[in-house]
Amino acid sequence: MQETLFIIKPDGVERGLAGEVLRRIERRGFKLTRIKMLQASKEILAKHYEDLLEKPFYHQIETYMLEGPIIVGTFTGSDAVKTWRKTMGVTNPAEAELGSIRADFAQGPDENGDMRNMVHGSDSVEAAKREIEIWFGE
């Protein structure tokens, strides 16, 4: 059993799609273990995205993630990290596989290259542990 972290980003919350995301998690047979709604801070985002801080697009990510409340949670299940990544779809919604969350609901990229890809998922078991510590202090 693996545990992974998910985030429903501000556009998913604003558009009323959190229930659909949670339904897809549960439909895959995963068990929700933690969930909270909050307004992210610049400090926590800098920790979460520490590998992107020096990238020219980091400011776009930070601005996007500060637009409104987010839902952060964890769930457990067999091969949770890999299965959740497939369920979300690739980062760019325009390239995401049909039936994935990002293909079905995410927006972008727009003419400025901004993407509202709606959800986040840890990309490895190690990243999940690090991100769970950041968001839940465990």
N, C-alpha and C. Protein backbone atom coordinates (compact mmCIF):
# COMPACT_ATOMS: atom_id res chain seq x y z
N MET A 1 0.84 -1.19 0.00
CA MET A 1 0.00 0.00 0.00
C MET A 1 0.88 1.25 0.00
N GLN A 2 0.53 2.19 -0.84
CA GLN A 2 1.23 3.46 -0.90
C GLN A 2 0.30 4.58 -0.45
N GLU A 3 0.92 5.64 0.04
CA GLU A 3 0.17 6.85 0.34
C GLU A 3 0.70 7.95 -0.56
N THR A 4 -0.19 8.75 -1.10
CA THR A 4 0.22 9.86 -1.94
C THR A 4 -0.58 11.10 -1.59
N LEU A 5 -0.08 12.22 -2.08
CA LEU A 5 -0.72 13.51 -1.83
C LEU A 5 -1.42 13.99 -3.10
N PHE A 6 -2.55 14.63 -2.92
CA PHE A 6 -3.22 15.28 -4.04
C PHE A 6 -3.59 16.70 -3.64
N ILE A 7 -3.66 17.55 -4.63
CA ILE A 7 -4.13 18.92 -4.43
C ILE A 7 -5.16 19.22 -5.52
N ILE A 8 -6.29 19.75 -5.10
CA ILE A 8 -7.26 20.30 -6.04
C ILE A 8 -6.98 21.80 -6.04
N LYS A 9 -6.51 22.29 -7.15
CA LYS A 9 -6.02 23.66 -7.25
C LYS A 9 -7.18 24.66 -7.29
N PRO A 10 -6.87 25.97 -7.17
CA PRO A 10 -7.94 26.98 -7.06
C PRO A 10 -9.02 26.92 -8.14
N ASP A 11 -8.63 26.62 -9.37
CA ASP A 11 -9.65 26.57 -10.42
C ASP A 11 -10.60 25.40 -10.24
N GLY A 12 -10.12 24.28 -9.73
CA GLY A 12 -10.99 23.14 -9.46
C GLY A 12 -11.98 23.43 -8.35
N VAL A 13 -11.51 24.12 -7.31
CA VAL A 13 -12.39 24.50 -6.20
C VAL A 13 -13.41 25.53 -6.68
N GLU A 14 -12.94 26.57 -7.36
CA GLU A 14 -13.80 27.65 -7.83
C GLU A 14 -14.89 27.14 -8.78
N ARG A 15 -14.55 26.20 -9.63
CA ARG A 15 -15.50 25.69 -10.62
C ARG A 15 -16.39 24.58 -10.08
N GLY A 16 -16.26 24.26 -8.80
CA GLY A 16 -17.13 23.26 -8.19
C GLY A 16 -16.83 21.83 -8.63
N LEU A 17 -15.57 21.53 -8.91
CA LEU A 17 -15.20 20.21 -9.40
C LEU A 17 -14.51 19.33 -8.36
N ALA A 18 -14.42 19.81 -7.12
CA ALA A 18 -13.76 19.02 -6.07
C ALA A 18 -14.46 17.67 -5.86
N GLY A 19 -15.77 17.67 -5.85
CA GLY A 19 -16.51 16.42 -5.65
C GLY A 19 -16.22 15.41 -6.74
N GLU A 20 -16.09 15.88 -7.98
CA GLU A 20 -15.77 14.98 -9.10
C GLU A 20 -14.38 14.38 -8.93
N VAL A 21 -13.42 15.20 -8.49
CA VAL A 21 -12.06 14.69 -8.27
C VAL A 21 -12.07 13.64 -7.16
N LEU A 22 -12.74 13.94 -6.07
CA LEU A 22 -12.81 12.99 -4.95
C LEU A 22 -13.53 11.70 -5.37
N ARG A 23 -14.56 11.84 -6.18
CA ARG A 23 -15.28 10.66 -6.67
C ARG A 23 -14.36 9.76 -7.49
N ARG A 24 -13.53 10.38 -8.32
CA ARG A 24 -12.61 9.60 -9.14
C ARG A 24 -11.55 8.90 -8.29
N ILE A 25 -11.11 9.56 -7.23
CA ILE A 25 -10.16 8.91 -6.31
C ILE A 25 -10.81 7.68 -5.69
N GLU A 26 -12.01 7.85 -5.16
CA GLU A 26 -12.70 6.74 -4.49
C GLU A 26 -13.10 5.65 -5.48
N ARG A 27 -13.49 6.03 -6.68
CA ARG A 27 -13.88 5.06 -7.69
C ARG A 27 -12.72 4.15 -8.07
N ARG A 28 -11.50 4.65 -7.96
CA ARG A 28 -10.31 3.84 -8.23
C ARG A 28 -10.01 2.87 -7.09
N GLY A 29 -10.78 2.96 -6.01
CA GLY A 29 -10.59 2.05 -4.89
C GLY A 29 -9.64 2.57 -3.82
N PHE A 30 -9.25 3.84 -3.93
CA PHE A 30 -8.37 4.41 -2.93
C PHE A 30 -9.15 4.85 -1.70
N LYS A 31 -8.45 4.88 -0.56
CA LYS A 31 -9.06 5.29 0.69
C LYS A 31 -8.51 6.66 1.09
N LEU A 32 -9.39 7.66 1.18
CA LEU A 32 -8.98 8.98 1.64
C LEU A 32 -8.53 8.89 3.09
N THR A 33 -7.38 9.49 3.40
CA THR A 33 -6.85 9.43 4.76
C THR A 33 -6.75 10.79 5.43
N ARG A 34 -6.61 11.85 4.65
CA ARG A 34 -6.58 13.22 5.17
C ARG A 34 -7.14 14.14 4.10
N ILE A 35 -7.77 15.23 4.56
CA ILE A 35 -8.25 16.23 3.60
C ILE A 35 -8.48 17.54 4.35
N LYS A 36 -8.09 18.65 3.70
CA LYS A 36 -8.34 19.96 4.29
C LYS A 36 -8.41 21.00 3.18
N MET A 37 -9.16 22.05 3.45
CA MET A 37 -9.24 23.18 2.53
C MET A 37 -8.50 24.34 3.19
N LEU A 38 -7.70 25.05 2.40
CA LEU A 38 -6.94 26.16 2.95
C LEU A 38 -6.54 27.12 1.85
N GLN A 39 -6.09 28.27 2.26
CA GLN A 39 -5.47 29.23 1.35
C GLN A 39 -3.97 29.01 1.48
N ALA A 40 -3.31 28.65 0.40
CA ALA A 40 -1.87 28.43 0.43
C ALA A 40 -1.14 29.74 0.70
N SER A 41 0.04 29.63 1.27
CA SER A 41 0.90 30.79 1.48
C SER A 41 2.09 30.70 0.53
N LYS A 42 2.75 31.83 0.31
CA LYS A 42 3.95 31.84 -0.52
C LYS A 42 5.02 30.93 0.07
N GLU A 43 5.09 30.89 1.40
CA GLU A 43 6.12 30.09 2.07
C GLU A 43 5.92 28.59 1.83
N ILE A 44 4.70 28.12 1.98
CA ILE A 44 4.46 26.69 1.79
C ILE A 44 4.60 26.31 0.31
N LEU A 45 4.19 27.21 -0.59
CA LEU A 45 4.36 26.94 -2.01
C LEU A 45 5.84 26.87 -2.39
N ALA A 46 6.66 27.74 -1.79
CA ALA A 46 8.10 27.71 -2.06
C ALA A 46 8.71 26.38 -1.61
N LYS A 47 8.24 25.84 -0.49
CA LYS A 47 8.72 24.52 -0.05
C LYS A 47 8.24 23.43 -1.00
N HIS A 48 6.96 23.48 -1.34
CA HIS A 48 6.38 22.44 -2.20
C HIS A 48 7.05 22.42 -3.58
N TYR A 49 7.24 23.58 -4.15
CA TYR A 49 7.80 23.69 -5.50
C TYR A 49 9.27 24.09 -5.48
N GLU A 50 10.02 23.68 -4.46
CA GLU A 50 11.41 24.13 -4.30
C GLU A 50 12.28 23.85 -5.52
N ASP A 51 12.01 22.80 -6.25
CA ASP A 51 12.81 22.47 -7.43
C ASP A 51 12.49 23.38 -8.63
N LEU A 52 11.44 24.19 -8.52
CA LEU A 52 11.04 25.09 -9.61
C LEU A 52 11.28 26.57 -9.29
N LEU A 53 11.78 26.86 -8.10
CA LEU A 53 11.92 28.26 -7.66
C LEU A 53 12.73 29.12 -8.62
N GLU A 54 13.75 28.56 -9.25
CA GLU A 54 14.61 29.33 -10.13
C GLU A 54 14.15 29.33 -11.59
N LYS A 55 13.07 28.62 -11.87
CA LYS A 55 12.56 28.55 -13.24
C LYS A 55 11.83 29.85 -13.58
N PRO A 56 11.88 30.27 -14.84
CA PRO A 56 11.23 31.53 -15.22
C PRO A 56 9.71 31.52 -15.07
N PHE A 57 9.11 30.34 -15.04
CA PHE A 57 7.65 30.24 -14.94
C PHE A 57 7.15 30.06 -13.50
N TYR A 58 8.06 30.06 -12.51
CA TYR A 58 7.63 29.83 -11.13
C TYR A 58 6.62 30.90 -10.68
N HIS A 59 6.83 32.14 -11.04
CA HIS A 59 5.91 33.20 -10.62
C HIS A 59 4.49 32.92 -11.10
N GLN A 60 4.34 32.38 -12.31
CA GLN A 60 3.01 32.02 -12.83
C GLN A 60 2.37 30.94 -11.95
N ILE A 61 3.15 29.94 -11.57
CA ILE A 61 2.63 28.87 -10.71
C ILE A 61 2.19 29.45 -9.37
N GLU A 62 3.05 30.26 -8.77
CA GLU A 62 2.74 30.85 -7.47
C GLU A 62 1.47 31.70 -7.53
N THR A 63 1.37 32.55 -8.54
CA THR A 63 0.19 33.41 -8.70
C THR A 63 -1.08 32.56 -8.83
N TYR A 64 -1.01 31.54 -9.65
CA TYR A 64 -2.14 30.62 -9.87
C TYR A 64 -2.55 29.94 -8.55
N MET A 65 -1.59 29.44 -7.82
CA MET A 65 -1.90 28.70 -6.59
C MET A 65 -2.39 29.60 -5.46
N LEU A 66 -2.17 30.90 -5.57
CA LEU A 66 -2.63 31.86 -4.56
C LEU A 66 -3.97 32.50 -4.90
N GLU A 67 -4.55 32.13 -6.04
CA GLU A 67 -5.80 32.75 -6.50
C GLU A 67 -7.00 32.48 -5.61
N GLY A 68 -6.98 31.41 -4.88
CA GLY A 68 -8.12 31.05 -4.05
C GLY A 68 -7.80 29.82 -3.23
N PRO A 69 -8.79 29.32 -2.51
CA PRO A 69 -8.54 28.15 -1.67
C PRO A 69 -8.22 26.91 -2.50
N ILE A 70 -7.48 26.01 -1.87
CA ILE A 70 -7.15 24.71 -2.46
C ILE A 70 -7.60 23.62 -1.50
N ILE A 71 -7.72 22.42 -2.02
CA ILE A 71 -8.00 21.26 -1.18
C ILE A 71 -6.78 20.35 -1.28
N VAL A 72 -6.23 20.02 -0.12
CA VAL A 72 -5.05 19.16 -0.05
C VAL A 72 -5.46 17.91 0.72
N GLY A 73 -5.03 16.76 0.24
CA GLY A 73 -5.35 15.53 0.93
C GLY A 73 -4.39 14.41 0.60
N THR A 74 -4.62 13.30 1.25
CA THR A 74 -3.85 12.10 1.00
C THR A 74 -4.80 10.93 0.87
N PHE A 75 -4.33 9.91 0.18
CA PHE A 75 -5.07 8.66 0.11
C PHE A 75 -4.10 7.51 -0.02
N THR A 76 -4.58 6.34 0.30
CA THR A 76 -3.76 5.13 0.23
C THR A 76 -4.39 4.13 -0.72
N GLY A 77 -3.52 3.27 -1.24
CA GLY A 77 -3.99 2.20 -2.11
C GLY A 77 -2.82 1.55 -2.82
N SER A 78 -3.11 0.50 -3.51
CA SER A 78 -2.10 -0.22 -4.27
C SER A 78 -1.61 0.65 -5.42
N ASP A 79 -0.30 0.85 -5.50
CA ASP A 79 0.32 1.62 -6.58
C ASP A 79 -0.32 3.01 -6.72
N ALA A 80 -0.59 3.64 -5.59
CA ALA A 80 -1.33 4.91 -5.56
C ALA A 80 -0.68 6.01 -6.37
N VAL A 81 0.65 6.15 -6.28
CA VAL A 81 1.32 7.25 -6.98
C VAL A 81 1.13 7.12 -8.48
N LYS A 82 1.48 5.99 -9.03
CA LYS A 82 1.40 5.78 -10.49
C LYS A 82 -0.05 5.85 -10.98
N THR A 83 -0.96 5.23 -10.26
CA THR A 83 -2.35 5.21 -10.69
C THR A 83 -2.96 6.61 -10.64
N TRP A 84 -2.64 7.38 -9.61
CA TRP A 84 -3.16 8.75 -9.52
C TRP A 84 -2.60 9.62 -10.64
N ARG A 85 -1.32 9.44 -10.97
CA ARG A 85 -0.73 10.21 -12.06
C ARG A 85 -1.47 9.94 -13.38
N LYS A 86 -1.80 8.68 -13.62
CA LYS A 86 -2.54 8.32 -14.83
C LYS A 86 -3.96 8.90 -14.79
N THR A 87 -4.60 8.84 -13.63
CA THR A 87 -5.95 9.37 -13.47
C THR A 87 -5.99 10.88 -13.72
N MET A 88 -4.94 11.60 -13.27
CA MET A 88 -4.87 13.04 -13.49
C MET A 88 -4.65 13.38 -14.96
N GLY A 89 -3.77 12.64 -15.63
CA GLY A 89 -3.34 12.99 -16.98
C GLY A 89 -2.06 13.81 -16.92
N VAL A 90 -1.41 13.97 -18.05
CA VAL A 90 -0.14 14.70 -18.09
C VAL A 90 -0.36 16.18 -17.75
N THR A 91 0.73 16.85 -17.41
CA THR A 91 0.69 18.24 -16.93
C THR A 91 -0.06 19.17 -17.88
N ASN A 92 0.22 19.07 -19.15
CA ASN A 92 -0.42 19.94 -20.14
C ASN A 92 -1.79 19.36 -20.51
N PRO A 93 -2.87 20.03 -20.14
CA PRO A 93 -4.21 19.50 -20.42
C PRO A 93 -4.46 19.21 -21.90
N ALA A 94 -3.83 19.98 -22.77
CA ALA A 94 -4.02 19.78 -24.22
C ALA A 94 -3.45 18.45 -24.69
N GLU A 95 -2.53 17.88 -23.91
CA GLU A 95 -1.90 16.61 -24.27
C GLU A 95 -2.39 15.44 -23.41
N ALA A 96 -3.28 15.71 -22.48
CA ALA A 96 -3.74 14.67 -21.56
C ALA A 96 -4.65 13.67 -22.25
N GLU A 97 -4.55 12.43 -21.81
CA GLU A 97 -5.35 11.34 -22.37
C GLU A 97 -6.83 11.57 -22.08
N LEU A 98 -7.67 11.36 -23.09
CA LEU A 98 -9.11 11.49 -22.90
C LEU A 98 -9.57 10.61 -21.74
N GLY A 99 -10.45 11.14 -20.92
CA GLY A 99 -10.93 10.43 -19.75
C GLY A 99 -10.15 10.75 -18.48
N SER A 100 -9.00 11.42 -18.62
CA SER A 100 -8.25 11.85 -17.44
C SER A 100 -8.87 13.14 -16.90
N ILE A 101 -8.59 13.46 -15.66
CA ILE A 101 -9.13 14.67 -15.05
C ILE A 101 -8.72 15.91 -15.84
N ARG A 102 -7.46 15.99 -16.20
CA ARG A 102 -6.97 17.18 -16.90
C ARG A 102 -7.57 17.30 -18.30
N ALA A 103 -7.71 16.19 -19.01
CA ALA A 103 -8.34 16.25 -20.34
C ALA A 103 -9.80 16.65 -20.22
N ASP A 104 -10.48 16.14 -19.21
CA ASP A 104 -11.91 16.39 -19.06
C ASP A 104 -12.23 17.78 -18.52
N PHE A 105 -11.39 18.34 -17.65
CA PHE A 105 -11.78 19.56 -16.93
C PHE A 105 -10.77 20.70 -16.93
N ALA A 106 -9.49 20.42 -17.12
CA ALA A 106 -8.48 21.47 -17.01
C ALA A 106 -8.52 22.40 -18.22
N GLN A 107 -7.87 23.55 -18.07
CA GLN A 107 -7.89 24.57 -19.11
C GLN A 107 -6.47 25.00 -19.46
N GLY A 108 -6.22 25.20 -20.74
CA GLY A 108 -4.94 25.75 -21.15
C GLY A 108 -4.11 24.75 -21.92
N PRO A 109 -2.96 25.15 -22.32
CA PRO A 109 -2.38 26.47 -22.07
C PRO A 109 -3.04 27.55 -22.93
N ASP A 110 -3.05 28.80 -22.38
CA ASP A 110 -3.62 29.91 -23.13
C ASP A 110 -2.52 30.57 -23.97
N GLU A 111 -2.82 31.72 -24.56
CA GLU A 111 -1.86 32.39 -25.43
C GLU A 111 -0.59 32.82 -24.71
N ASN A 112 -0.66 32.95 -23.37
CA ASN A 112 0.52 33.30 -22.57
C ASN A 112 1.25 32.07 -22.04
N GLY A 113 0.73 30.89 -22.36
CA GLY A 113 1.35 29.66 -21.88
C GLY A 113 0.86 29.24 -20.50
N ASP A 114 -0.08 30.01 -19.92
CA ASP A 114 -0.61 29.67 -18.60
C ASP A 114 -1.50 28.44 -18.69
N MET A 115 -1.32 27.54 -17.73
CA MET A 115 -2.17 26.35 -17.66
C MET A 115 -2.91 26.34 -16.34
N ARG A 116 -4.14 25.96 -16.39
CA ARG A 116 -4.95 25.74 -15.19
C ARG A 116 -5.25 24.26 -15.21
N ASN A 117 -4.26 23.49 -14.72
CA ASN A 117 -4.36 22.04 -14.85
C ASN A 117 -5.05 21.35 -13.68
N MET A 118 -5.62 22.09 -12.79
CA MET A 118 -6.63 21.70 -11.82
C MET A 118 -6.20 20.81 -10.67
N VAL A 119 -5.28 19.90 -10.88
CA VAL A 119 -4.90 18.97 -9.82
C VAL A 119 -3.39 18.77 -9.78
N HIS A 120 -2.93 18.33 -8.63
CA HIS A 120 -1.52 17.96 -8.44
C HIS A 120 -1.49 16.57 -7.83
N GLY A 121 -0.45 15.85 -8.18
CA GLY A 121 -0.19 14.57 -7.54
C GLY A 121 1.30 14.35 -7.44
N SER A 122 1.74 13.78 -6.34
CA SER A 122 3.15 13.48 -6.16
C SER A 122 3.63 12.59 -7.30
N ASP A 123 4.88 12.82 -7.74
CA ASP A 123 5.38 12.07 -8.88
C ASP A 123 6.22 10.85 -8.51
N SER A 124 6.41 10.62 -7.23
CA SER A 124 7.14 9.44 -6.77
C SER A 124 6.78 9.19 -5.30
N VAL A 125 7.11 8.02 -4.81
CA VAL A 125 6.86 7.70 -3.41
C VAL A 125 7.66 8.64 -2.51
N GLU A 126 8.89 8.93 -2.91
CA GLU A 126 9.74 9.84 -2.13
C GLU A 126 9.15 11.25 -2.10
N ALA A 127 8.68 11.72 -3.26
CA ALA A 127 8.06 13.05 -3.33
C ALA A 127 6.79 13.09 -2.48
N ALA A 128 6.02 12.00 -2.48
CA ALA A 128 4.80 11.95 -1.67
C ALA A 128 5.14 12.12 -0.20
N LYS A 129 6.16 11.44 0.27
CA LYS A 129 6.56 11.57 1.68
C LYS A 129 6.96 13.01 2.00
N ARG A 130 7.74 13.61 1.13
CA ARG A 130 8.20 14.99 1.34
C ARG A 130 7.01 15.95 1.32
N GLU A 131 6.10 15.80 0.36
CA GLU A 131 4.96 16.70 0.24
C GLU A 131 3.97 16.52 1.38
N ILE A 132 3.76 15.31 1.84
CA ILE A 132 2.87 15.08 2.99
C ILE A 132 3.44 15.78 4.22
N GLU A 133 4.76 15.71 4.39
CA GLU A 133 5.40 16.41 5.51
C GLU A 133 5.18 17.92 5.40
N ILE A 134 5.31 18.46 4.20
CA ILE A 134 5.13 19.90 4.00
C ILE A 134 3.71 20.33 4.36
N TRP A 135 2.71 19.63 3.85
CA TRP A 135 1.32 20.05 3.99
C TRP A 135 0.65 19.58 5.29
N PHE A 136 1.13 18.46 5.84
CA PHE A 136 0.47 17.92 7.03
C PHE A 136 1.41 17.78 8.23
N GLY A 137 2.70 18.05 8.05
CA GLY A 137 3.64 17.99 9.16
C GLY A 137 3.84 16.59 9.71
N GLU A 138 3.74 15.59 8.84
CA GLU A 138 3.90 14.20 9.30
C GLU A 138 4.97 13.51 8.49
